Amino acid sequence: EKRYGKALLLSVAYGANTGGTVTPIGTGPNAVLVGMLAQLFPAFEGISFLQWTMFALPLAVLQGLGTFGYMYVRFVDRRLE
């Protein structure tokens, strides 16, 4: 039960981190980057919500799969004990 509790708490933290990167309003730095790009590059029209999500979603899926793999190996797989 102790291992399950640790894995559950870490999964919530990793999931919040991964989910925050998917949208430009998910975390503060994402919104700052979008604003700075529009300000620094006037010819640049900016990144729309959909464009950001289409860019970040595959990366978040890979990060989620990697996190799942790590959690499985670290907390579930009993062969490593």
PDB file of N, CA and C in Angstrom:
ATOM      1  N   GLU A   1       0.817  -1.190   0.000  1.00  0.00           N
ATOM      2  CA  GLU A   1       0.000   0.000   0.000  1.00  0.00           C
ATOM      3  C   GLU A   1       0.865   1.259   0.000  1.00  0.00           C
ATOM      4  N   LYS A   2       2.005   1.195   0.666  1.00  0.00           N
ATOM      5  CA  LYS A   2       2.860   2.360   0.721  1.00  0.00           C
ATOM      6  C   LYS A   2       3.393   2.713  -0.663  1.00  0.00           C
ATOM      7  N   ARG A   3       3.763   1.690  -1.427  1.00  0.00           N
ATOM      8  CA  ARG A   3       4.276   1.932  -2.779  1.00  0.00           C
ATOM      9  C   ARG A   3       3.182   2.518  -3.668  1.00  0.00           C
ATOM     10  N   TYR A   4       1.959   2.034  -3.512  1.00  0.00           N
ATOM     11  CA  TYR A   4       0.850   2.531  -4.308  1.00  0.00           C
ATOM     12  C   TYR A   4       0.573   4.001  -3.994  1.00  0.00           C
ATOM     13  N   GLY A   5       0.631   4.361  -2.740  1.00  0.00           N
ATOM     14  CA  GLY A   5       0.405   5.748  -2.334  1.00  0.00           C
ATOM     15  C   GLY A   5       1.451   6.687  -2.905  1.00  0.00           C
ATOM     16  N   LYS A   6       2.713   6.268  -2.861  1.00  0.00           N
ATOM     17  CA  LYS A   6       3.784   7.087  -3.437  1.00  0.00           C
ATOM     18  C   LYS A   6       3.578   7.261  -4.937  1.00  0.00           C
ATOM     19  N   ALA A   7       3.275   6.173  -5.610  1.00  0.00           N
ATOM     20  CA  ALA A   7       3.073   6.233  -7.062  1.00  0.00           C
ATOM     21  C   ALA A   7       1.883   7.121  -7.409  1.00  0.00           C
ATOM     22  N   LEU A   8       0.825   7.053  -6.632  1.00  0.00           N
ATOM     23  CA  LEU A   8      -0.368   7.852  -6.897  1.00  0.00           C
ATOM     24  C   LEU A   8      -0.080   9.341  -6.728  1.00  0.00           C
ATOM     25  N   LEU A   9       0.602   9.708  -5.655  1.00  0.00           N
ATOM     26  CA  LEU A   9       0.921  11.116  -5.431  1.00  0.00           C
ATOM     27  C   LEU A   9       1.863  11.657  -6.509  1.00  0.00           C
ATOM     28  N   LEU A  10       2.867  10.882  -6.880  1.00  0.00           N
ATOM     29  CA  LEU A  10       3.775  11.319  -7.938  1.00  0.00           C
ATOM     30  C   LEU A  10       3.057  11.411  -9.282  1.00  0.00           C
ATOM     31  N   SER A  11       2.131  10.505  -9.542  1.00  0.00           N
ATOM     32  CA  SER A  11       1.383  10.535 -10.801  1.00  0.00           C
ATOM     33  C   SER A  11       0.527  11.789 -10.912  1.00  0.00           C
ATOM     34  N   VAL A  12      -0.061  12.213  -9.815  1.00  0.00           N
ATOM     35  CA  VAL A  12      -0.864  13.439  -9.830  1.00  0.00           C
ATOM     36  C   VAL A  12       0.029  14.637 -10.154  1.00  0.00           C
ATOM     37  N   ALA A  13       1.199  14.694  -9.529  1.00  0.00           N
ATOM     38  CA  ALA A  13       2.115  15.815  -9.772  1.00  0.00           C
ATOM     39  C   ALA A  13       2.615  15.815 -11.215  1.00  0.00           C
ATOM     40  N   TYR A  14       3.024  14.670 -11.713  1.00  0.00           N
ATOM     41  CA  TYR A  14       3.501  14.585 -13.097  1.00  0.00           C
ATOM     42  C   TYR A  14       2.382  14.879 -14.082  1.00  0.00           C
ATOM     43  N   GLY A  15       1.185  14.401 -13.778  1.00  0.00           N
ATOM     44  CA  GLY A  15       0.047  14.646 -14.666  1.00  0.00           C
ATOM     45  C   GLY A  15      -0.314  16.120 -14.747  1.00  0.00           C
ATOM     46  N   ALA A  16      -0.251  16.814 -13.621  1.00  0.00           N
ATOM     47  CA  ALA A  16      -0.536  18.250 -13.629  1.00  0.00           C
ATOM     48  C   ALA A  16       0.510  19.006 -14.432  1.00  0.00           C
ATOM     49  N   ASN A  17       1.753  18.603 -14.296  1.00  0.00           N
ATOM     50  CA  ASN A  17       2.832  19.230 -15.048  1.00  0.00           C
ATOM     51  C   ASN A  17       2.661  18.989 -16.545  1.00  0.00           C
ATOM     52  N   THR A  18       2.378  17.772 -16.923  1.00  0.00           N
ATOM     53  CA  THR A  18       2.198  17.432 -18.329  1.00  0.00           C
ATOM     54  C   THR A  18       0.971  18.128 -18.910  1.00  0.00           C
ATOM     55  N   GLY A  19      -0.125  18.126 -18.197  1.00  0.00           N
ATOM     56  CA  GLY A  19      -1.352  18.759 -18.676  1.00  0.00           C
ATOM     57  C   GLY A  19      -1.218  20.264 -18.820  1.00  0.00           C
ATOM     58  N   GLY A  20      -0.406  20.879 -18.001  1.00  0.00           N
ATOM     59  CA  GLY A  20      -0.215  22.320 -18.072  1.00  0.00           C
ATOM     60  C   GLY A  20       0.522  22.778 -19.310  1.00  0.00           C
ATOM     61  N   THR A  21       1.272  21.891 -19.916  1.00  0.00           N
ATOM     62  CA  THR A  21       2.024  22.281 -21.103  1.00  0.00           C
ATOM     63  C   THR A  21       1.202  22.203 -22.387  1.00  0.00           C
ATOM     64  N   VAL A  22       0.047  21.582 -22.343  1.00  0.00           N
ATOM     65  CA  VAL A  22      -0.725  21.346 -23.561  1.00  0.00           C
ATOM     66  C   VAL A  22      -1.384  22.608 -24.101  1.00  0.00           C
ATOM     67  N   THR A  23      -1.787  23.517 -23.240  1.00  0.00           N
ATOM     68  CA  THR A  23      -2.459  24.733 -23.700  1.00  0.00           C
ATOM     69  C   THR A  23      -1.611  25.958 -23.355  1.00  0.00           C
ATOM     70  N   PRO A  24      -1.764  27.028 -24.111  1.00  0.00           N
ATOM     71  CA  PRO A  24      -0.973  28.222 -23.809  1.00  0.00           C
ATOM     72  C   PRO A  24      -1.378  28.903 -22.501  1.00  0.00           C
ATOM     73  N   ILE A  25      -2.551  28.602 -21.988  1.00  0.00           N
ATOM     74  CA  ILE A  25      -2.962  29.191 -20.712  1.00  0.00           C
ATOM     75  C   ILE A  25      -2.812  28.197 -19.568  1.00  0.00           C
ATOM     76  N   GLY A  26      -2.228  27.036 -19.837  1.00  0.00           N
ATOM     77  CA  GLY A  26      -2.058  26.008 -18.815  1.00  0.00           C
ATOM     78  C   GLY A  26      -1.067  26.413 -17.738  1.00  0.00           C
ATOM     79  N   THR A  27      -0.020  27.115 -18.125  1.00  0.00           N
ATOM     80  CA  THR A  27       0.958  27.624 -17.168  1.00  0.00           C
ATOM     81  C   THR A  27       1.327  29.040 -17.587  1.00  0.00           C
ATOM     82  N   GLY A  28       1.832  29.798 -16.653  1.00  0.00           N
ATOM     83  CA  GLY A  28       2.207  31.180 -16.926  1.00  0.00           C
ATOM     84  C   GLY A  28       3.277  31.337 -17.997  1.00  0.00           C
ATOM     85  N   PRO A  29       4.354  30.552 -17.941  1.00  0.00           N
ATOM     86  CA  PRO A  29       5.403  30.707 -18.957  1.00  0.00           C
ATOM     87  C   PRO A  29       4.931  30.476 -20.393  1.00  0.00           C
ATOM     88  N   ASN A  30       3.928  29.632 -20.574  1.00  0.00           N
ATOM     89  CA  ASN A  30       3.394  29.422 -21.925  1.00  0.00           C
ATOM     90  C   ASN A  30       2.778  30.706 -22.466  1.00  0.00           C
ATOM     91  N   ALA A  31       1.983  31.360 -21.659  1.00  0.00           N
ATOM     92  CA  ALA A  31       1.338  32.607 -22.080  1.00  0.00           C
ATOM     93  C   ALA A  31       2.363  33.716 -22.283  1.00  0.00           C
ATOM     94  N   VAL A  32       3.385  33.756 -21.433  1.00  0.00           N
ATOM     95  CA  VAL A  32       4.444  34.757 -21.586  1.00  0.00           C
ATOM     96  C   VAL A  32       5.181  34.539 -22.902  1.00  0.00           C
ATOM     97  N   LEU A  33       5.485  33.297 -23.237  1.00  0.00           N
ATOM     98  CA  LEU A  33       6.182  33.006 -24.491  1.00  0.00           C
ATOM     99  C   LEU A  33       5.360  33.450 -25.696  1.00  0.00           C
ATOM    100  N   VAL A  34       4.081  33.172 -25.698  1.00  0.00           N
ATOM    101  CA  VAL A  34       3.230  33.582 -26.814  1.00  0.00           C
ATOM    102  C   VAL A  34       3.222  35.100 -26.945  1.00  0.00           C
ATOM    103  N   GLY A  35       3.109  35.813 -25.826  1.00  0.00           N
ATOM    104  CA  GLY A  35       3.115  37.273 -25.857  1.00  0.00           C
ATOM    105  C   GLY A  35       4.448  37.844 -26.294  1.00  0.00           C
ATOM    106  N   MET A  36       5.549  37.255 -25.826  1.00  0.00           N
ATOM    107  CA  MET A  36       6.880  37.754 -26.187  1.00  0.00           C
ATOM    108  C   MET A  36       7.185  37.513 -27.658  1.00  0.00           C
ATOM    109  N   LEU A  37       6.757  36.373 -28.189  1.00  0.00           N
ATOM    110  CA  LEU A  37       6.979  36.110 -29.609  1.00  0.00           C
ATOM    111  C   LEU A  37       6.269  37.148 -30.468  1.00  0.00           C
ATOM    112  N   ALA A  38       5.052  37.489 -30.105  1.00  0.00           N
ATOM    113  CA  ALA A  38       4.290  38.487 -30.862  1.00  0.00           C
ATOM    114  C   ALA A  38       4.922  39.869 -30.728  1.00  0.00           C
ATOM    115  N   GLN A  39       5.512  40.170 -29.576  1.00  0.00           N
ATOM    116  CA  GLN A  39       6.121  41.479 -29.353  1.00  0.00           C
ATOM    117  C   GLN A  39       7.498  41.591 -30.011  1.00  0.00           C
ATOM    118  N   LEU A  40       8.301  40.551 -29.928  1.00  0.00           N
ATOM    119  CA  LEU A  40       9.666  40.597 -30.457  1.00  0.00           C
ATOM    120  C   LEU A  40       9.729  40.465 -31.972  1.00  0.00           C
ATOM    121  N   PHE A  41       8.776  39.775 -32.534  1.00  0.00           N
ATOM    122  CA  PHE A  41       8.751  39.556 -33.970  1.00  0.00           C
ATOM    123  C   PHE A  41       7.447  40.119 -34.536  1.00  0.00           C
ATOM    124  N   PRO A  42       7.436  41.407 -34.911  1.00  0.00           N
ATOM    125  CA  PRO A  42       6.195  42.046 -35.368  1.00  0.00           C
ATOM    126  C   PRO A  42       5.579  41.377 -36.600  1.00  0.00           C
ATOM    127  N   ALA A  43       6.410  40.811 -37.465  1.00  0.00           N
ATOM    128  CA  ALA A  43       5.870  40.141 -38.648  1.00  0.00           C
ATOM    129  C   ALA A  43       5.199  38.824 -38.270  1.00  0.00           C
ATOM    130  N   PHE A  44       5.536  38.322 -37.117  1.00  0.00           N
ATOM    131  CA  PHE A  44       4.968  37.075 -36.623  1.00  0.00           C
ATOM    132  C   PHE A  44       3.565  37.352 -36.105  1.00  0.00           C
ATOM    133  N   GLU A  45       2.579  36.681 -36.627  1.00  0.00           N
ATOM    134  CA  GLU A  45       1.188  36.951 -36.273  1.00  0.00           C
ATOM    135  C   GLU A  45       0.785  36.362 -34.927  1.00  0.00           C
ATOM    136  N   GLY A  46       1.617  35.558 -34.369  1.00  0.00           N
ATOM    137  CA  GLY A  46       1.287  34.939 -33.086  1.00  0.00           C
ATOM    138  C   GLY A  46       0.858  33.493 -33.261  1.00  0.00           C
ATOM    139  N   ILE A  47       0.765  32.837 -32.155  1.00  0.00           N
ATOM    140  CA  ILE A  47       0.388  31.428 -32.142  1.00  0.00           C
ATOM    141  C   ILE A  47      -1.038  31.341 -31.614  1.00  0.00           C
ATOM    142  N   SER A  48      -1.889  30.676 -32.347  1.00  0.00           N
ATOM    143  CA  SER A  48      -3.271  30.514 -31.876  1.00  0.00           C
ATOM    144  C   SER A  48      -3.334  29.381 -30.852  1.00  0.00           C
ATOM    145  N   PHE A  49      -4.435  29.331 -30.163  1.00  0.00           N
ATOM    146  CA  PHE A  49      -4.660  28.289 -29.159  1.00  0.00           C
ATOM    147  C   PHE A  49      -4.548  26.905 -29.807  1.00  0.00           C
ATOM    148  N   LEU A  50      -5.156  26.762 -30.970  1.00  0.00           N
ATOM    149  CA  LEU A  50      -5.148  25.473 -31.660  1.00  0.00           C
ATOM    150  C   LEU A  50      -3.748  25.099 -32.134  1.00  0.00           C
ATOM    151  N   GLN A  51      -2.995  26.059 -32.649  1.00  0.00           N
ATOM    152  CA  GLN A  51      -1.635  25.775 -33.096  1.00  0.00           C
ATOM    153  C   GLN A  51      -0.760  25.311 -31.938  1.00  0.00           C
ATOM    154  N   TRP A  52      -0.879  25.988 -30.801  1.00  0.00           N
ATOM    155  CA  TRP A  52      -0.086  25.594 -29.639  1.00  0.00           C
ATOM    156  C   TRP A  52      -0.464  24.177 -29.200  1.00  0.00           C
ATOM    157  N   THR A  53      -1.757  23.911 -29.145  1.00  0.00           N
ATOM    158  CA  THR A  53      -2.216  22.595 -28.700  1.00  0.00           C
ATOM    159  C   THR A  53      -1.764  21.500 -29.660  1.00  0.00           C
ATOM    160  N   MET A  54      -1.824  21.761 -30.959  1.00  0.00           N
ATOM    161  CA  MET A  54      -1.382  20.762 -31.934  1.00  0.00           C
ATOM    162  C   MET A  54       0.121  20.496 -31.814  1.00  0.00           C
ATOM    163  N   PHE A  55       0.885  21.492 -31.424  1.00  0.00           N
ATOM    164  CA  PHE A  55       2.311  21.318 -31.228  1.00  0.00           C
ATOM    165  C   PHE A  55       2.602  20.559 -29.931  1.00  0.00           C
ATOM    166  N   ALA A  56       1.926  20.931 -28.849  1.00  0.00           N
ATOM    167  CA  ALA A  56       2.265  20.413 -27.530  1.00  0.00           C
ATOM    168  C   ALA A  56       1.616  19.074 -27.193  1.00  0.00           C
ATOM    169  N   LEU A  57       0.488  18.754 -27.804  1.00  0.00           N
ATOM    170  CA  LEU A  57      -0.220  17.527 -27.444  1.00  0.00           C
ATOM    171  C   LEU A  57       0.598  16.256 -27.702  1.00  0.00           C
ATOM    172  N   PRO A  58       1.224  16.095 -28.878  1.00  0.00           N
ATOM    173  CA  PRO A  58       2.037  14.889 -29.060  1.00  0.00           C
ATOM    174  C   PRO A  58       3.193  14.793 -28.062  1.00  0.00           C
ATOM    175  N   LEU A  59       3.788  15.923 -27.714  1.00  0.00           N
ATOM    176  CA  LEU A  59       4.860  15.912 -26.719  1.00  0.00           C
ATOM    177  C   LEU A  59       4.331  15.503 -25.348  1.00  0.00           C
ATOM    178  N   ALA A  60       3.140  15.975 -25.003  1.00  0.00           N
ATOM    179  CA  ALA A  60       2.546  15.615 -23.728  1.00  0.00           C
ATOM    180  C   ALA A  60       2.176  14.131 -23.684  1.00  0.00           C
ATOM    181  N   VAL A  61       1.721  13.592 -24.795  1.00  0.00           N
ATOM    182  CA  VAL A  61       1.407  12.158 -24.851  1.00  0.00           C
ATOM    183  C   VAL A  61       2.677  11.339 -24.638  1.00  0.00           C
ATOM    184  N   LEU A  62       3.755  11.734 -25.286  1.00  0.00           N
ATOM    185  CA  LEU A  62       5.032  11.033 -25.085  1.00  0.00           C
ATOM    186  C   LEU A  62       5.509  11.153 -23.643  1.00  0.00           C
ATOM    187  N   GLN A  63       5.367  12.325 -23.070  1.00  0.00           N
ATOM    188  CA  GLN A  63       5.762  12.512 -21.683  1.00  0.00           C
ATOM    189  C   GLN A  63       4.894  11.659 -20.754  1.00  0.00           C
ATOM    190  N   GLY A  64       3.610  11.579 -21.035  1.00  0.00           N
ATOM    191  CA  GLY A  64       2.717  10.748 -20.224  1.00  0.00           C
ATOM    192  C   GLY A  64       3.064   9.273 -20.314  1.00  0.00           C
ATOM    193  N   LEU A  65       3.377   8.809 -21.518  1.00  0.00           N
ATOM    194  CA  LEU A  65       3.769   7.403 -21.676  1.00  0.00           C
ATOM    195  C   LEU A  65       5.084   7.118 -20.965  1.00  0.00           C
ATOM    196  N   GLY A  66       6.012   8.045 -21.064  1.00  0.00           N
ATOM    197  CA  GLY A  66       7.283   7.879 -20.364  1.00  0.00           C
ATOM    198  C   GLY A  66       7.105   7.854 -18.853  1.00  0.00           C
ATOM    199  N   THR A  67       6.238   8.712 -18.354  1.00  0.00           N
ATOM    200  CA  THR A  67       5.961   8.745 -16.922  1.00  0.00           C
ATOM    201  C   THR A  67       5.289   7.453 -16.474  1.00  0.00           C
ATOM    202  N   PHE A  68       4.348   6.968 -17.283  1.00  0.00           N
ATOM    203  CA  PHE A  68       3.697   5.703 -16.953  1.00  0.00           C
ATOM    204  C   PHE A  68       4.722   4.569 -16.902  1.00  0.00           C
ATOM    205  N   GLY A  69       5.610   4.530 -17.883  1.00  0.00           N
ATOM    206  CA  GLY A  69       6.646   3.497 -17.898  1.00  0.00           C
ATOM    207  C   GLY A  69       7.541   3.570 -16.680  1.00  0.00           C
ATOM    208  N   TYR A  70       7.939   4.776 -16.317  1.00  0.00           N
ATOM    209  CA  TYR A  70       8.780   4.944 -15.142  1.00  0.00           C
ATOM    210  C   TYR A  70       8.048   4.494 -13.876  1.00  0.00           C
ATOM    211  N   MET A  71       6.797   4.901 -13.736  1.00  0.00           N
ATOM    212  CA  MET A  71       6.034   4.529 -12.547  1.00  0.00           C
ATOM    213  C   MET A  71       5.839   3.013 -12.471  1.00  0.00           C
ATOM    214  N   TYR A  72       5.604   2.408 -13.605  1.00  0.00           N
ATOM    215  CA  TYR A  72       5.415   0.953 -13.617  1.00  0.00           C
ATOM    216  C   TYR A  72       6.692   0.242 -13.183  1.00  0.00           C
ATOM    217  N   VAL A  73       7.804   0.641 -13.777  1.00  0.00           N
ATOM    218  CA  VAL A  73       9.078  -0.012 -13.442  1.00  0.00           C
ATOM    219  C   VAL A  73       9.464   0.268 -11.992  1.00  0.00           C
ATOM    220  N   ARG A  74       9.248   1.472 -11.537  1.00  0.00           N
ATOM    221  CA  ARG A  74       9.698   1.865 -10.197  1.00  0.00           C
ATOM    222  C   ARG A  74       8.806   1.330  -9.087  1.00  0.00           C
ATOM    223  N   PHE A  75       7.500   1.306  -9.295  1.00  0.00           N
ATOM    224  CA  PHE A  75       6.600   1.001  -8.204  1.00  0.00           C
ATOM    225  C   PHE A  75       5.783  -0.281  -8.363  1.00  0.00           C
ATOM    226  N   VAL A  76       5.635  -0.794  -9.574  1.00  0.00           N
ATOM    227  CA  VAL A  76       4.771  -1.954  -9.768  1.00  0.00           C
ATOM    228  C   VAL A  76       5.557  -3.222 -10.037  1.00  0.00           C
ATOM    229  N   ASP A  77       6.579  -3.135 -10.865  1.00  0.00           N
ATOM    230  CA  ASP A  77       7.332  -4.320 -11.282  1.00  0.00           C
ATOM    231  C   ASP A  77       8.096  -4.905 -10.088  1.00  0.00           C
ATOM    232  N   ARG A  78       7.704  -6.059  -9.649  1.00  0.00           N
ATOM    233  CA  ARG A  78       8.303  -6.685  -8.462  1.00  0.00           C
ATOM    234  C   ARG A  78       9.617  -7.415  -8.782  1.00  0.00           C
ATOM    235  N   ARG A  79       9.974  -7.578 -10.050  1.00  0.00           N
ATOM    236  CA  ARG A  79      11.198  -8.277 -10.413  1.00  0.00           C
ATOM    237  C   ARG A  79      12.448  -7.494 -10.023  1.00  0.00           C
ATOM    238  N   LEU A  80      12.308  -6.192  -9.787  1.00  0.00           N
ATOM    239  CA  LEU A  80      13.455  -5.358  -9.487  1.00  0.00           C
ATOM    240  C   LEU A  80      13.805  -5.337  -7.999  1.00  0.00           C
ATOM    241  N   GLU A  81      13.013  -5.958  -7.169  1.00  0.00           N
ATOM    242  CA  GLU A  81      13.287  -5.940  -5.721  1.00  0.00           C
ATOM    243  C   GLU A  81      14.347  -6.927  -5.339  1.00  0.00           C
TER     244      GLU A  81
END
